[in-house]
Amino acid sequence: MEPILNIRQISKHYGRIIAVQDLSIEVGAGHVFGILGPNGSGKTTTLAIITGVISPDNGTYHWYGRSASAAIRKNIGSLIEVPNFYPYLDLVRNLILVARIKNKPIEDIERVLKLTNLWDRRKSRYDTLSLGMKQRLALSAVLLGDPDVLVLDEPANGLDPEGIAEVREIIKSEAKKQKTIILASHILDEVEKVCTHVAVLKKGKSIAQGRVHELLAADDPVVVECDEPDKLKSTLVRAGMSASIEKDGNRLIIVLKSGYGARDINQFAHQQGIVLTHLETRKKSLESQFLELVKQ
């Protein structure tokens, strides 16, 4: 199946500063694709390129297998910068202006305000809203016309925990409609909760990509305890099953080579006559995986 978005070897430089370098990404239909990276990694530049805000120096990108056009972009709702809402106008009047500029139906305003839980505040002036409400109004503007693709840059940036949860639920609600969502974020826990796929950027380059659960599963350490840890450690090393082993008393923290799992350790120990008193796979969080990647 043709990917919704296909990025091929795009690069963007600002003088001597490399914002994005030879970046390739594929986003399939219905994916919630997270782009992660520290400040200056190229997240916002990448989103600005694919939404037509800026042009790449090299490389190409295609939406639905075609070069970007006004007709294609009409089906993409993007939040790269917070819209310039008028502080003295209420929510409905602000969205009427947005709808006219974007050529979206004004009749859709009620739907998007209800979706973002702002309908009860529809007559409030913009300057009376909390930061979380302002962010939800920005999302309301993005959702006008019910686009099939959403591109969001740091949608929960600067929000308190309640505001982050509100934005998360909106994204999850849209994802359930099989929409394709591409978002850049530094809030790793939120990406882990809402994204199906992820790309980690460092200095404009992709250093890891894949399904979130597969990326998290990579190099998950297995923790075992037994009465003969030295014997188990030496036999595992000789068998070539482990990439690394740390010993802590009677406990071994084992990173297995590709193709091996906790079940293999349990079976191997039994064959060696070693009784395991404890066996668990210690799941890494996306945060720990991310920090390991960017330190490399």
Protein backbone atom coordinates (compact mmCIF):
# COMPACT_ATOMS: atom_id res chain seq x y z
CA MET A 1 0.00 0.00 0.00
CA GLU A 2 1.28 3.46 -0.93
CA PRO A 3 2.35 5.39 2.20
CA ILE A 4 0.46 8.55 3.08
CA LEU A 5 3.79 10.41 3.37
CA ASN A 6 7.07 9.40 1.78
CA ILE A 7 10.13 11.50 2.66
CA ARG A 8 13.29 10.70 0.70
CA GLN A 9 16.72 12.08 1.60
CA ILE A 10 15.58 15.61 2.44
CA SER A 11 18.14 18.12 3.71
CA LYS A 12 17.91 21.69 4.92
CA HIS A 13 20.79 23.99 5.81
CA TYR A 14 20.87 27.48 7.29
CA GLY A 15 24.33 28.68 6.41
CA ARG A 16 26.68 26.32 8.22
CA ILE A 17 23.91 24.98 10.42
CA ILE A 18 22.53 21.62 9.30
CA ALA A 19 18.87 21.45 10.35
CA VAL A 20 17.97 18.22 8.52
CA GLN A 21 20.35 15.87 6.72
CA ASP A 22 19.42 13.03 4.33
CA LEU A 23 16.24 12.25 6.23
CA SER A 24 13.96 9.48 4.97
CA ILE A 25 10.65 8.55 6.63
CA GLU A 26 7.55 6.64 5.55
CA VAL A 27 4.21 7.16 7.27
CA GLY A 28 1.42 4.70 6.55
CA ALA A 29 -2.32 5.26 6.60
CA GLY A 30 -3.72 5.36 10.13
CA HIS A 31 -0.31 5.65 11.79
CA VAL A 32 0.23 7.98 14.72
CA PHE A 33 3.83 8.81 13.94
CA GLY A 34 5.94 10.55 16.57
CA ILE A 35 9.10 12.49 15.73
CA LEU A 36 11.39 12.73 18.76
CA GLY A 37 14.63 14.51 19.36
CA PRO A 38 16.38 17.05 21.56
CA ASN A 39 16.27 20.76 20.75
CA GLY A 40 17.93 21.44 17.43
CA SER A 41 17.42 17.91 16.12
CA GLY A 42 15.34 19.01 13.13
CA LYS A 43 11.82 18.11 14.27
CA THR A 44 10.14 21.44 13.53
CA THR A 45 12.12 21.93 10.31
CA THR A 46 10.92 18.53 9.08
CA LEU A 47 7.29 19.37 9.79
CA ALA A 48 7.68 22.80 8.21
CA ILE A 49 9.02 21.17 5.03
CA ILE A 50 6.25 18.59 4.67
CA THR A 51 3.56 21.23 5.23
CA GLY A 52 5.05 23.55 2.63
CA VAL A 53 6.12 26.30 5.02
CA ILE A 54 9.73 26.01 3.81
CA SER A 55 11.40 24.13 0.96
CA PRO A 56 14.14 21.52 1.35
CA ASP A 57 17.56 22.14 -0.18
CA ASN A 58 17.71 18.55 -1.40
CA GLY A 59 15.49 15.48 -1.48
CA THR A 60 11.79 14.97 -2.09
CA TYR A 61 8.60 14.26 -0.22
CA HIS A 62 5.26 13.03 -1.53
CA TRP A 63 1.78 12.97 -0.07
CA TYR A 64 -0.37 10.09 -1.33
CA GLY A 65 2.34 9.29 -3.89
CA ARG A 66 2.16 12.75 -5.46
CA SER A 67 4.00 16.03 -5.16
CA ALA A 68 2.41 18.40 -2.69
CA SER A 69 -0.26 20.69 -4.11
CA ALA A 70 -2.91 23.08 -2.81
CA ALA A 71 -5.54 20.36 -3.30
CA ILE A 72 -3.55 17.83 -1.26
CA ARG A 73 -2.72 20.31 1.50
CA LYS A 74 -6.42 21.10 1.85
CA ASN A 75 -6.77 17.62 3.35
CA ILE A 76 -3.95 18.20 5.86
CA GLY A 77 -4.57 20.01 9.14
CA SER A 78 -1.35 21.44 10.53
CA LEU A 79 -0.33 23.11 13.76
CA ILE A 80 3.23 24.34 13.29
CA GLU A 81 2.70 27.70 14.95
CA VAL A 82 -0.22 28.77 17.15
CA PRO A 83 -2.71 30.73 15.00
CA ASN A 84 -2.93 34.46 15.61
CA PHE A 85 -6.29 34.62 17.35
CA TYR A 86 -7.80 38.00 18.15
CA PRO A 87 -7.82 38.51 21.95
CA TYR A 88 -10.99 40.65 21.96
CA LEU A 89 -13.09 38.17 19.92
CA ASP A 90 -14.88 35.14 21.30
CA LEU A 91 -14.06 31.59 20.25
CA VAL A 92 -16.75 31.30 17.59
CA ARG A 93 -15.84 34.60 15.92
CA ASN A 94 -12.15 33.66 15.89
CA LEU A 95 -12.94 30.32 14.25
CA ILE A 96 -15.23 31.97 11.71
CA LEU A 97 -12.22 34.01 10.55
CA VAL A 98 -10.05 30.88 10.41
CA ALA A 99 -12.73 29.00 8.46
CA ARG A 100 -13.00 31.80 5.90
CA ILE A 101 -9.22 32.01 5.45
CA LYS A 102 -8.93 28.22 5.05
CA ASN A 103 -12.13 27.96 3.01
CA LYS A 104 -13.61 25.53 5.53
CA PRO A 105 -17.32 25.26 6.38
CA ILE A 106 -18.43 27.58 9.16
CA GLU A 107 -21.04 24.97 10.10
CA ASP A 108 -18.18 22.76 11.35
CA ILE A 109 -17.30 25.14 14.18
CA GLU A 110 -19.80 23.62 16.60
CA ARG A 111 -18.40 20.12 15.99
CA VAL A 112 -14.78 21.06 16.60
CA LEU A 113 -15.55 23.11 19.71
CA LYS A 114 -17.47 20.19 21.17
CA LEU A 115 -14.67 17.82 20.21
CA THR A 116 -12.15 19.94 22.10
CA ASN A 117 -14.53 20.51 25.05
CA LEU A 118 -14.77 24.25 24.41
CA TRP A 119 -18.39 24.55 23.35
CA ASP A 120 -19.48 25.84 26.76
CA ARG A 121 -16.85 28.62 26.43
CA ARG A 122 -17.77 29.52 22.84
CA LYS A 123 -18.84 33.06 23.80
CA SER A 124 -15.75 33.75 25.92
CA ARG A 125 -13.11 36.19 24.72
CA TYR A 126 -9.86 34.58 23.67
CA ASP A 127 -7.86 36.58 26.23
CA THR A 128 -9.86 35.00 29.09
CA LEU A 129 -8.75 31.44 28.23
CA SER A 130 -6.18 29.41 30.10
CA LEU A 131 -3.08 28.20 28.24
CA GLY A 132 -4.60 24.73 27.89
CA MET A 133 -7.81 26.16 26.45
CA LYS A 134 -5.85 28.28 23.98
CA GLN A 135 -4.01 25.16 22.80
CA ARG A 136 -7.31 23.31 22.44
CA LEU A 137 -8.70 26.22 20.40
CA ALA A 138 -5.65 25.96 18.15
CA LEU A 139 -6.48 22.27 17.70
CA SER A 140 -10.07 23.24 16.93
CA ALA A 141 -8.77 25.40 14.08
CA VAL A 142 -6.67 22.48 12.80
CA LEU A 143 -9.69 20.12 12.90
CA LEU A 144 -11.97 22.40 10.87
CA GLY A 145 -13.15 20.57 7.78
CA ASP A 146 -12.27 17.18 9.32
CA PRO A 147 -8.93 16.62 7.53
CA ASP A 148 -7.67 13.05 7.09
CA VAL A 149 -4.10 13.97 8.11
CA LEU A 150 -2.96 16.00 11.13
CA VAL A 151 0.56 17.43 11.47
CA LEU A 152 1.21 18.76 14.98
CA ASP A 153 4.35 20.40 16.32
CA GLU A 154 4.65 20.07 20.11
CA PRO A 155 0.85 20.04 20.64
CA ALA A 156 1.21 19.80 24.44
CA ASN A 157 4.15 22.18 24.81
CA GLY A 158 3.97 24.39 27.91
CA LEU A 159 0.82 22.78 29.27
CA ASP A 160 0.20 21.58 32.82
CA PRO A 161 -0.60 17.87 33.41
CA GLU A 162 -4.33 18.49 33.01
CA GLY A 163 -3.80 20.31 29.72
CA ILE A 164 -1.46 17.58 28.46
CA ALA A 165 -4.09 14.95 29.27
CA GLU A 166 -6.76 16.95 27.42
CA VAL A 167 -4.64 17.24 24.29
CA ARG A 168 -3.72 13.55 24.52
CA GLU A 169 -7.37 12.51 24.57
CA ILE A 170 -8.13 14.67 21.52
CA ILE A 171 -5.28 13.03 19.59
CA LYS A 172 -6.39 9.54 20.65
CA SER A 173 -9.97 10.36 19.66
CA GLU A 174 -8.85 11.44 16.18
CA ALA A 175 -6.61 8.37 15.86
CA LYS A 176 -9.62 6.11 16.49
CA LYS A 177 -11.14 7.55 13.31
CA GLN A 178 -8.20 6.01 11.39
CA LYS A 179 -6.70 9.42 10.70
CA THR A 180 -2.99 9.68 10.04
CA ILE A 181 -1.29 11.84 12.66
CA ILE A 182 2.30 13.09 12.58
CA LEU A 183 3.50 14.88 15.68
CA ALA A 184 6.76 16.21 17.02
CA SER A 185 7.18 16.20 20.77
CA HIS A 186 9.77 16.17 23.51
CA ILE A 187 7.26 14.78 26.03
CA LEU A 188 8.36 11.18 25.67
CA ASP A 189 5.74 9.71 27.97
CA GLU A 190 2.98 11.22 25.84
CA VAL A 191 4.47 9.86 22.63
CA GLU A 192 4.66 6.43 24.21
CA LYS A 193 0.96 6.66 25.12
CA VAL A 194 -0.43 7.84 21.78
CA CYS A 195 1.98 6.90 18.97
CA THR A 196 2.10 3.69 16.96
CA HIS A 197 5.40 4.52 15.24
CA VAL A 198 8.35 6.74 16.07
CA ALA A 199 11.48 8.24 14.54
CA VAL A 200 14.28 9.57 16.75
CA LEU A 201 16.28 12.46 15.30
CA LYS A 202 19.69 13.72 16.33
CA LYS A 203 21.39 16.66 14.61
CA GLY A 204 19.02 16.38 11.68
CA LYS A 205 19.55 12.66 11.11
CA SER A 206 17.34 9.69 11.89
CA ILE A 207 19.08 7.42 14.39
CA ALA A 208 16.18 5.02 15.01
CA GLN A 209 12.78 4.31 13.49
CA GLY A 210 10.08 1.71 13.95
CA ARG A 211 6.95 0.71 15.76
CA VAL A 212 6.92 2.04 19.30
CA HIS A 213 6.52 -1.38 20.92
CA GLU A 214 9.33 -2.86 18.79
CA LEU A 215 11.68 0.01 19.56
CA LEU A 216 10.96 -0.37 23.25
CA ALA A 217 11.51 -4.12 23.07
CA ALA A 218 15.00 -3.72 21.62
CA ASP A 219 17.67 -4.67 24.15
CA ASP A 220 15.25 -5.14 27.04
CA PRO A 221 17.45 -6.62 29.81
CA VAL A 222 16.48 -9.91 31.43
CA VAL A 223 17.04 -10.09 35.20
CA VAL A 224 17.64 -13.50 36.77
CA GLU A 225 18.55 -14.72 40.25
CA CYS A 226 20.00 -18.10 41.17
CA ASP A 227 22.38 -19.77 43.65
CA GLU A 228 25.11 -20.19 41.02
CA PRO A 229 25.32 -16.83 39.20
CA ASP A 230 29.01 -17.22 38.25
CA LYS A 231 28.35 -20.59 36.64
CA LEU A 232 25.32 -19.27 34.75
CA LYS A 233 27.23 -16.21 33.59
CA SER A 234 30.19 -18.21 32.26
CA THR A 235 28.02 -20.77 30.48
CA LEU A 236 25.88 -18.06 28.88
CA VAL A 237 29.01 -16.30 27.60
CA ARG A 238 30.38 -19.58 26.17
CA ALA A 239 27.01 -20.31 24.53
CA GLY A 240 27.12 -16.93 22.77
CA MET A 241 23.60 -15.98 23.86
CA SER A 242 24.39 -12.71 25.62
CA ALA A 243 25.48 -9.31 24.37
CA SER A 244 26.38 -8.21 27.91
CA ILE A 245 26.00 -9.47 31.48
CA GLU A 246 26.26 -7.51 34.72
CA LYS A 247 26.49 -9.34 38.07
CA ASP A 248 24.99 -7.92 41.25
CA GLY A 249 25.24 -10.48 44.06
CA ASN A 250 23.11 -13.45 43.07
CA ARG A 251 21.45 -11.38 40.34
CA LEU A 252 22.46 -11.22 36.68
CA ILE A 253 21.28 -8.43 34.39
CA ILE A 254 21.52 -9.87 30.90
CA VAL A 255 21.15 -8.18 27.50
CA LEU A 256 20.54 -10.98 25.04
CA LYS A 257 21.61 -11.15 21.43
CA SER A 258 18.94 -10.85 18.75
CA GLY A 259 16.70 -13.89 18.52
CA TYR A 260 16.89 -14.88 22.21
CA GLY A 261 14.38 -14.21 24.98
CA ALA A 262 13.70 -14.89 28.64
CA ARG A 263 12.26 -18.32 27.81
CA ASP A 264 15.58 -19.32 26.21
CA ILE A 265 17.47 -18.39 29.39
CA ASN A 266 15.08 -20.39 31.52
CA GLN A 267 15.48 -23.45 29.28
CA PHE A 268 19.26 -23.04 29.08
CA ALA A 269 19.62 -22.78 32.88
CA HIS A 270 17.51 -25.90 33.34
CA GLN A 271 19.75 -27.79 30.88
CA GLN A 272 22.78 -26.71 32.92
CA GLY A 273 21.20 -27.92 36.15
CA ILE A 274 20.84 -24.36 37.48
CA VAL A 275 17.61 -23.46 39.29
CA LEU A 276 16.42 -19.88 38.73
CA THR A 277 14.71 -18.27 41.72
CA HIS A 278 13.73 -15.13 39.80
CA LEU A 279 13.27 -14.30 36.09
CA GLU A 280 11.85 -11.14 34.57
CA THR A 281 12.17 -9.00 31.48
CA ARG A 282 12.77 -5.42 32.53
CA LYS A 283 10.89 -3.24 30.06
CA LYS A 284 12.57 0.00 29.14
CA SER A 285 10.58 3.19 28.90
CA LEU A 286 10.70 5.23 25.73
CA GLU A 287 12.55 7.86 27.76
CA SER A 288 15.40 5.53 28.72
CA GLN A 289 15.59 4.17 25.17
CA PHE A 290 15.62 7.70 23.77
CA LEU A 291 18.36 8.86 26.14
CA GLU A 292 20.53 5.87 25.22
CA LEU A 293 20.07 6.57 21.52
CA VAL A 294 20.93 10.28 21.64
CA LYS A 295 24.03 9.62 23.80
CA GLN A 296 25.49 7.30 21.16
